[in-house]
């Protein structure tokens, strides 16, 4: 099916436009802890962790508005997980392993958003571009996990920087 709109190419963002996670930070952390450390999972207070996530998100907005580029490269959820683990786990290697397990649990739940597949199919007769920012390995991992590399004529992963928004 072709879309009858006058344009020659279409450019997409990745996160929040084409894809998202089926679970949030709390559930991904629960799954990571269940796989790696059930004793630690029992110490996770869902309400306190959700409050931490909200505080980190607000901090990220404030820091971005103040001109700081990308205060939390892996996102506010990953930053909240890192802070919670820093308070709960003394061993740095164990913390890194749990942070990796969290990212793995999140990636297990990466999905194309509703309608994205149909939209890409409808636009298959036009050149398509994909742009995204974030850690290169993470972003390319998402692109490959979702099978998007073959769908786009050009892909740009810009790394960790972006311009602060003027809201």
Foldseek 3Di string as FASTA:
>chain_A
DADPDDDFEEEEEPDPTFKAFPDALVVLLLVLCVVPPVVVSVVDDVVVLVVLLVVLVVVQLVVLLVWDWQPDQVDSSLVSLLVVCVVPPPDPVVSVSSSVSSLVSRLVGMDTPPPNVVVLVNCQVHAYEYEYEGAPVSVVVSCVVHVNPVSHPYYYYPYRGDTRDND
